[in-house]
Protein backbone atom coordinates (compact mmCIF):
# COMPACT_ATOMS: atom_id res chain seq x y z
CA MET A 1 11.64 -23.29 -14.01
CA VAL A 2 14.69 -21.68 -12.46
CA SER A 3 17.49 -20.69 -14.81
CA GLY A 4 20.90 -22.16 -14.03
CA ILE A 5 19.50 -25.21 -12.23
CA ALA A 6 18.56 -28.34 -14.14
CA SER A 7 14.89 -29.20 -13.75
CA SER A 8 15.52 -32.87 -14.48
CA THR A 9 17.33 -35.25 -12.14
CA MET A 10 20.74 -33.87 -11.26
CA SER A 11 23.50 -36.25 -12.20
CA SER A 12 25.15 -38.35 -9.54
CA GLN A 13 28.46 -37.24 -11.06
CA LEU A 14 28.19 -34.08 -8.93
CA THR A 15 30.01 -35.66 -5.99
CA ALA A 16 32.91 -33.31 -5.37
CA ASP A 17 32.63 -30.93 -2.43
CA SER A 18 33.03 -27.97 -4.77
CA ALA A 19 30.08 -29.17 -6.84
CA VAL A 20 27.92 -29.48 -3.73
CA GLU A 21 28.92 -25.99 -2.63
CA ARG A 22 28.08 -24.61 -6.08
CA LEU A 23 24.69 -26.29 -6.02
CA VAL A 24 23.83 -24.90 -2.58
CA GLN A 25 25.02 -21.47 -3.71
CA GLN A 26 22.80 -21.69 -6.81
CA LEU A 27 19.76 -22.60 -4.75
CA LEU A 28 20.36 -19.72 -2.34
CA GLU A 29 20.88 -17.30 -5.21
CA GLN A 30 17.47 -18.26 -6.54
CA CYS A 31 15.99 -17.65 -3.09
CA ALA A 32 17.52 -14.17 -3.06
CA VAL A 33 16.63 -13.27 -6.65
CA GLN A 34 13.04 -14.48 -6.37
CA GLN A 35 12.62 -13.25 -2.77
CA ALA A 36 11.61 -16.69 -1.55
CA SER A 37 10.72 -16.99 2.11
CA ASP A 38 11.58 -20.69 2.41
CA LEU A 39 13.64 -23.39 0.68
CA HIS A 40 12.44 -27.01 1.00
CA ILE A 41 14.66 -30.02 0.24
CA GLU A 42 12.56 -33.13 0.77
CA PRO A 43 12.55 -36.85 -0.05
CA ALA A 44 10.59 -37.76 -3.16
CA GLN A 45 10.42 -40.59 -5.66
CA HIS A 46 13.85 -41.35 -7.11
CA GLY A 47 15.64 -38.60 -5.20
CA TYR A 48 14.89 -35.30 -3.48
CA ARG A 49 12.56 -32.51 -4.56
CA VAL A 50 13.54 -28.85 -4.17
CA ARG A 51 10.82 -26.23 -3.77
CA LEU A 52 10.72 -22.50 -3.02
CA ARG A 53 7.92 -20.71 -1.20
CA LEU A 54 7.08 -17.67 -3.31
CA LEU A 55 4.31 -15.29 -2.23
CA GLY A 56 3.00 -17.93 0.15
CA SER A 57 2.89 -20.85 -2.32
CA LEU A 58 5.45 -23.62 -2.86
CA GLN A 59 6.87 -24.02 -6.37
CA PRO A 60 9.11 -26.94 -7.50
CA ILE A 61 12.40 -25.80 -9.01
CA ALA A 62 14.68 -28.83 -9.13
CA HIS A 63 15.25 -32.51 -8.40
CA ILE A 64 18.41 -33.80 -6.74
CA SER A 65 19.56 -37.38 -7.15
CA ALA A 66 19.34 -39.75 -4.20
CA GLN A 67 23.13 -40.10 -4.31
CA LEU A 68 23.83 -36.36 -4.17
CA ALA A 69 21.09 -35.20 -1.77
CA PRO A 70 22.70 -36.52 1.46
CA ARG A 71 25.87 -34.55 0.64
CA VAL A 72 23.82 -31.41 0.04
CA LEU A 73 21.98 -31.84 3.34
CA ALA A 74 25.23 -32.55 5.19
CA HIS A 75 26.84 -29.42 3.72
CA ILE A 76 23.97 -27.21 4.91
CA LYS A 77 23.93 -28.92 8.32
CA VAL A 78 27.63 -28.18 8.77
CA LEU A 79 27.05 -24.52 7.93
CA ALA A 80 24.16 -24.39 10.42
CA GLN A 81 26.29 -26.10 13.09
CA LEU A 82 24.03 -29.16 13.25
CA ASP A 83 25.05 -32.75 13.92
CA ILE A 84 25.47 -34.36 10.48
CA THR A 85 25.27 -37.85 11.99
CA GLU A 86 21.87 -37.25 13.65
CA ARG A 87 19.06 -38.22 11.28
CA ARG A 88 16.58 -39.65 13.79
CA LEU A 89 15.63 -36.45 15.61
CA PRO A 90 14.67 -32.92 14.47
CA GLN A 91 17.39 -30.26 14.68
CA ASP A 92 17.35 -26.46 14.51
CA GLY A 93 20.19 -24.18 13.52
CA ARG A 94 21.09 -20.91 11.91
CA CYS A 95 23.56 -19.72 9.27
CA ARG A 96 24.35 -16.69 7.13
CA PHE A 97 25.17 -16.40 3.43
CA SER A 98 26.18 -13.60 1.08
CA VAL A 99 24.45 -14.14 -2.25
CA ALA A 100 23.34 -11.94 -5.12
CA GLY A 101 24.70 -8.82 -3.44
CA ARG A 102 22.78 -9.25 -0.21
CA THR A 103 23.04 -11.08 3.09
CA LEU A 104 20.69 -13.93 3.94
CA ASP A 105 20.17 -14.96 7.54
CA CYS A 106 18.75 -18.48 7.40
CA ARG A 107 16.91 -20.52 9.97
CA VAL A 108 17.50 -24.22 9.31
CA ASN A 109 15.35 -27.13 10.46
CA THR A 110 15.79 -30.82 9.71
CA THR A 111 13.12 -33.42 10.43
CA PRO A 112 13.11 -37.19 9.82
CA THR A 113 10.34 -38.41 7.50
CA LEU A 114 9.27 -41.86 6.33
CA ASN A 115 11.48 -41.67 3.24
CA GLY A 116 14.42 -39.72 4.61
CA GLU A 117 15.48 -36.45 6.20
CA LYS A 118 13.76 -33.23 5.14
CA LEU A 119 15.46 -29.83 5.41
CA VAL A 120 13.76 -26.43 5.38
CA MET A 121 15.54 -23.09 5.35
CA ARG A 122 13.67 -19.91 6.30
CA MET A 123 15.22 -16.90 4.58
CA LEU A 124 15.50 -13.76 6.68
CA GLY A 125 18.05 -11.44 5.15
CA ALA A 126 19.45 -8.65 7.28
CA GLY A 127 17.28 -5.60 6.78
CA HIS A 128 14.80 -7.57 4.67
CA THR A 129 11.47 -8.78 5.93
CA VAL A 130 9.26 -11.56 4.72
CA ASN A 131 6.53 -8.94 4.72
CA GLU A 132 7.57 -7.62 1.33
CA PRO A 133 6.72 -3.93 0.87
CA SER A 134 5.05 -3.08 -2.41
CA GLU A 135 6.51 -0.76 -5.00
CA PRO A 136 4.78 2.56 -4.11
CA TYR A 137 5.93 2.18 -0.49
CA THR A 138 9.65 1.58 -1.14
CA GLU A 139 10.88 4.97 -2.26
CA HIS A 140 13.78 4.68 0.21
CA SER A 141 16.62 2.87 -1.50
CA ALA A 142 18.68 0.14 0.11
CA GLY A 143 21.48 1.39 2.30
CA ILE A 144 19.63 4.50 3.50
CA GLU A 145 18.77 4.37 7.20
CA LEU A 146 15.02 4.74 7.60
CA THR A 147 13.29 6.57 10.42
CA ALA A 148 11.02 4.67 12.79
CA GLN A 149 7.95 6.06 11.04
CA GLN A 150 9.32 5.12 7.61
CA ARG A 151 9.99 1.57 8.79
CA MET A 152 6.44 1.26 10.11
CA GLN A 153 5.04 2.73 6.92
CA GLN A 154 7.12 0.35 4.81
CA ALA A 155 5.80 -2.58 6.85
CA GLY A 156 2.25 -1.56 5.89
CA LEU A 157 1.06 0.08 9.10
CA LEU A 158 -1.49 2.85 8.58
CA SER A 159 -0.95 6.26 10.15
CA GLU A 160 -3.42 5.74 13.01
CA GLN A 161 -1.71 2.42 13.80
CA GLN A 162 1.71 4.07 13.67
CA GLN A 163 0.50 6.67 16.16
CA LEU A 164 -0.80 4.00 18.54
CA LEU A 165 2.50 2.14 18.40
CA THR A 166 4.60 5.30 18.71
CA THR A 167 2.68 6.22 21.86
CA ALA A 168 3.11 2.69 23.24
CA LEU A 169 6.84 2.60 22.44
CA ALA A 170 7.30 5.83 24.41
CA GLN A 171 6.14 4.10 27.60
CA ARG A 172 8.65 2.80 30.12
CA GLU A 173 6.61 -0.30 30.88
CA GLY A 174 3.83 -2.36 29.37
CA LEU A 175 3.16 -5.12 26.83
CA ILE A 176 2.96 -4.78 23.05
CA LEU A 177 1.63 -8.03 21.62
CA THR A 178 1.59 -9.09 17.95
CA THR A 179 -0.67 -11.95 16.90
CA GLY A 180 -1.48 -13.86 13.75
CA PRO A 181 -0.98 -17.23 12.08
CA THR A 182 2.38 -18.82 11.33
CA GLY A 183 4.24 -16.97 8.58
CA SER A 184 2.31 -13.72 8.94
CA GLY A 185 5.41 -11.66 9.76
CA LYS A 186 4.93 -11.25 13.53
CA THR A 187 8.63 -11.47 14.40
CA GLN A 188 9.54 -9.08 11.59
CA THR A 189 7.04 -6.58 13.00
CA LEU A 190 8.76 -6.80 16.38
CA TYR A 191 12.14 -6.23 14.69
CA THR A 192 10.67 -3.10 13.09
CA LEU A 193 9.59 -1.87 16.53
CA LEU A 194 12.99 -2.68 18.05
CA HIS A 195 14.63 -0.53 15.37
CA ALA A 196 12.41 2.32 16.54
CA LEU A 197 13.55 1.82 20.14
CA HIS A 198 17.25 1.29 19.51
CA ASP A 199 19.58 3.88 21.03
CA ASP A 200 22.50 3.85 23.46
CA SER A 201 20.33 4.84 26.42
CA ARG A 202 18.41 1.54 26.51
CA ASN A 203 19.38 -2.02 27.38
CA ILE A 204 17.45 -4.05 24.80
CA SER A 205 17.39 -7.85 24.96
CA THR A 206 15.54 -10.53 23.01
CA VAL A 207 14.67 -14.16 23.74
CA GLU A 208 14.14 -16.11 20.52
CA ASP A 209 13.90 -19.64 19.15
CA PRO A 210 15.91 -19.24 17.05
CA VAL A 211 17.39 -15.78 16.57
CA GLU A 212 16.28 -14.89 13.05
CA VAL A 213 18.10 -11.65 12.26
CA ASP A 214 21.27 -10.30 13.88
CA LEU A 215 20.42 -6.85 15.29
CA ALA A 216 23.34 -4.54 16.02
CA GLY A 217 23.36 -3.21 19.57
CA VAL A 218 20.73 -5.68 20.78
CA ASN A 219 21.48 -8.53 23.19
CA GLN A 220 19.90 -11.56 21.52
CA ILE A 221 19.45 -14.84 23.36
CA ASN A 222 18.84 -18.11 21.54
CA VAL A 223 16.88 -20.54 23.72
CA ASN A 224 17.85 -24.21 23.63
CA PRO A 225 15.12 -26.52 24.96
CA ALA A 226 17.36 -29.54 24.31
CA VAL A 227 19.56 -28.52 27.25
CA GLY A 228 16.72 -27.12 29.37
CA PHE A 229 17.22 -23.47 28.39
CA SER A 230 13.61 -22.43 27.84
CA PHE A 231 11.90 -19.08 27.20
CA ALA A 232 10.92 -18.89 30.87
CA GLN A 233 14.45 -19.65 32.06
CA ALA A 234 15.90 -17.05 29.69
CA LEU A 235 13.39 -14.47 30.93
CA ARG A 236 14.33 -15.18 34.55
CA ALA A 237 17.99 -14.60 33.68
CA LEU A 238 17.17 -11.42 31.76
CA MET A 239 15.36 -9.91 34.73
CA ARG A 240 18.73 -9.85 36.51
CA GLN A 241 20.40 -8.11 33.54
CA ASP A 242 18.87 -4.65 34.15
CA PRO A 243 16.77 -4.66 30.94
CA ASP A 244 14.78 -1.72 29.63
CA VAL A 245 13.20 -3.49 26.67
CA ILE A 246 12.55 -7.23 26.36
CA MET A 247 11.39 -9.00 23.21
CA VAL A 248 9.89 -12.48 23.64
CA GLY A 249 9.95 -14.34 20.33
CA GLU A 250 6.86 -16.36 21.19
CA ILE A 251 4.63 -16.89 24.21
CA ARG A 252 4.14 -20.65 24.20
CA ASP A 253 3.30 -21.64 27.75
CA ALA A 254 1.78 -20.41 30.99
CA GLU A 255 5.09 -19.67 32.69
CA THR A 256 6.33 -17.50 29.82
CA ALA A 257 2.99 -15.68 29.61
CA MET A 258 2.97 -14.91 33.33
CA MET A 259 6.59 -13.75 33.37
CA ALA A 260 6.10 -11.51 30.32
CA CYS A 261 3.10 -9.79 31.92
CA GLN A 262 4.85 -9.46 35.27
CA ALA A 263 7.89 -7.90 33.58
CA ALA A 264 5.56 -5.49 31.76
CA GLN A 265 4.20 -4.32 35.12
CA THR A 266 7.57 -3.83 36.82
CA GLY A 267 9.33 -1.18 34.76
CA HIS A 268 10.04 -3.05 31.52
CA LEU A 269 8.68 -2.56 28.01
CA VAL A 270 7.89 -6.04 26.69
CA LEU A 271 7.29 -6.95 23.04
CA ALA A 272 6.02 -10.45 22.29
CA THR A 273 4.23 -12.64 19.74
CA LEU A 274 1.36 -15.07 20.23
CA HIS A 275 -0.37 -17.43 17.81
CA ALA A 276 -3.97 -16.20 17.66
CA SER A 277 -6.40 -15.38 14.88
CA SER A 278 -7.94 -12.22 16.34
CA PRO A 279 -7.58 -9.77 19.23
CA LEU A 280 -10.34 -11.55 21.13
CA SER A 281 -8.79 -14.99 20.64
CA ALA A 282 -5.44 -13.60 21.83
CA LEU A 283 -7.02 -12.37 25.07
CA ILE A 284 -8.81 -15.70 25.52
CA ARG A 285 -5.55 -17.57 24.93
CA LEU A 286 -3.69 -15.48 27.50
CA GLN A 287 -6.37 -16.10 30.11
CA GLN A 288 -6.21 -19.83 29.30
CA LEU A 289 -2.48 -19.58 30.07
CA GLY A 290 -3.27 -18.16 33.49
CA VAL A 291 -3.03 -14.40 32.86
CA ASP A 292 -6.19 -12.99 34.40
CA GLY A 293 -8.10 -9.91 33.34
CA TYR A 294 -6.52 -7.75 36.06
CA GLN A 295 -3.01 -8.52 34.80
CA LEU A 296 -4.01 -7.89 31.19
CA ALA A 297 -5.65 -4.59 32.09
CA ALA A 298 -2.51 -3.53 33.97
CA SER A 299 0.07 -4.61 31.40
CA LEU A 300 -1.33 -4.52 27.86
CA LEU A 301 -0.59 -1.40 25.80
CA VAL A 302 -1.36 -2.46 22.21
CA LEU A 303 -2.55 -5.70 20.66
CA LEU A 304 -1.60 -5.98 16.98
CA ASN A 305 -3.22 -8.61 14.75
CA GLN A 306 -1.72 -9.09 11.31
CA ARG A 307 -1.79 -10.99 8.03
CA LEU A 308 0.16 -11.04 4.76
CA VAL A 309 -2.02 -10.60 1.67
CA LYS A 310 -1.19 -10.84 -2.02
CA VAL A 311 -1.59 -7.71 -4.14
CA THR A 312 -0.81 -7.06 -7.80
CA HIS A 313 0.51 -3.73 -9.04
CA HIS A 314 1.60 -3.12 -12.63
CA GLY A 315 1.51 -6.87 -13.23
CA HIS A 316 3.82 -7.63 -10.29
CA THR A 317 2.40 -9.69 -7.41
CA GLN A 318 3.75 -9.14 -3.91
CA ARG A 319 2.66 -9.62 -0.31
CA ILE A 320 1.98 -6.71 2.01
CA GLY A 321 1.17 -6.58 5.69
CA VAL A 322 -2.31 -5.63 6.87
CA TYR A 323 -2.97 -4.95 10.53
CA GLU A 324 -5.63 -4.23 13.09
CA ALA A 325 -4.40 -2.51 16.23
CA VAL A 326 -6.29 -2.47 19.52
CA ALA A 327 -4.97 -0.10 22.18
CA MET A 328 -5.85 -0.40 25.85
CA HIS A 329 -8.66 2.10 26.40
CA PRO A 330 -11.24 2.59 29.19
CA PRO A 331 -14.02 0.36 27.74
CA LEU A 332 -11.58 -2.52 27.14
CA ARG A 333 -10.00 -2.09 30.58
CA ALA A 334 -13.42 -2.08 32.23
CA ALA A 335 -14.44 -5.21 30.32
CA LEU A 336 -11.26 -7.03 31.36
CA LEU A 337 -11.73 -6.04 35.01
CA ALA A 338 -15.34 -7.26 35.10
CA ASN A 339 -16.33 -10.52 36.76
CA GLN A 340 -15.05 -13.29 34.47
CA HIS A 341 -17.98 -15.49 35.52
CA CYS A 342 -20.43 -12.97 34.10
CA ALA A 343 -22.40 -14.47 31.20
CA THR A 344 -21.48 -11.59 28.88
CA TYR A 345 -17.79 -11.32 29.88
CA TRP A 346 -16.28 -12.27 26.52
CA GLN A 347 -19.01 -10.55 24.50
CA ASP A 348 -18.23 -7.31 26.34
CA ILE A 349 -14.50 -7.70 25.66
CA ASP A 350 -15.18 -8.44 21.98
CA ALA A 351 -17.33 -5.32 21.73
CA ALA A 352 -14.59 -3.26 23.39
CA CYS A 353 -12.08 -4.51 20.80
CA CYS A 354 -14.25 -3.23 17.96
CA GLY A 355 -14.09 0.23 16.47
CA GLN A 356 -10.50 -0.07 15.23
CA THR A 357 -9.48 -0.49 11.59
CA THR A 358 -10.16 -4.15 10.77
CA LEU A 359 -7.95 -6.41 8.66
CA ALA A 360 -10.47 -6.24 5.80
CA GLU A 361 -10.58 -2.44 5.95
CA ALA A 362 -6.78 -2.21 6.02
CA GLU A 363 -6.48 -4.55 3.04
CA ALA A 364 -9.06 -2.57 1.07
CA TRP A 365 -7.23 0.67 1.83
CA HIS A 366 -3.89 -0.74 0.65
CA ARG A 367 -5.45 -1.95 -2.59
CA ARG A 368 -6.91 1.50 -3.24
CA ALA A 369 -3.51 3.05 -2.50
CA LEU A 370 -1.85 0.71 -4.98
CA GLU A 371 -4.38 1.55 -7.67
CA SER A 372 -3.75 5.26 -7.22
CA CYS A 373 0.00 4.87 -6.41
CA GLU A 374 -0.45 6.77 -3.17
CA VAL A 375 1.86 6.50 -0.17
CA PRO A 376 0.00 5.14 2.91
CA ALA A 377 -1.12 7.93 5.15
CA ASP A 378 -4.52 7.20 6.65
CA ALA A 379 -7.22 4.55 6.60
CA SER A 380 -10.07 7.01 6.27
């Protein structure tokens, strides 16, 4: 149970605005202290249940009375600039808090359920990633500006993967794609790569839904589907803004996929995420969205597939990122350019994707490094 927050039903006497503010502050402090990735406030029997997602699993921490919970939700909705009177439709917003000596950027979503409105806050503190680096890899203390290589190393990328990405980031055009399931840290990986690219000589822009972390010197665009401002529309506008680097928060539809690949072939470095379970499934998904093998062969630089895995070191359990990186190379390009109607088309592409460090191999290497307290250097 969380200290400082009653585990039993919170009294309905907490009705003053100051009490609601204190309660929200307490909950956020626990998120910061315990490095929670999400805070859930959801309808339950006789009130609302509060849970934190810690290391990928939800843990109950408190219960809020049915009388107090609407005031708590309304307070958070005001901070996230949401409509407090709208309880019938989902809403998305964003807010920032300073708690426990650090800044939390929060993504807020509300959704109506059978028993009432549920609110979820995704915690993305400035300079902090959900992909929590493990102890041997965090020798650089907070407040010290890390180099691009140090940021990649801290994220869990092995040296051969860092080299592939460094080579790709040096290109003036092309597509760097990160894939994986929801909550695997894809957006945070792109933020790490943007840090490596950031300097005054480049015009860097992002298209996100929503913007998760405020990046200094980067032009960040928050799409708003409710008013017709989609990823594709934002990309069309960006192409008239003289961009050097474009980050697409998520490729969701055919139009966005086509525009991202076209931008990557016309003098722009494009970084994007896609929900896919493997490099092969990512390529299949892109072709399902209308991006043919010729466009992929011409635009793709690196395809990065990632997961977060739990590891224990000195009795402390954390999550680290494990990756497999597939760079565009002659066998893969030849496979993509082959006749798609050929019976072995996808088998040939799958074979061309092999030979890189797999997720299982990367995870095994990280566990060995933890056991010997080594700093990641190579997967061999």
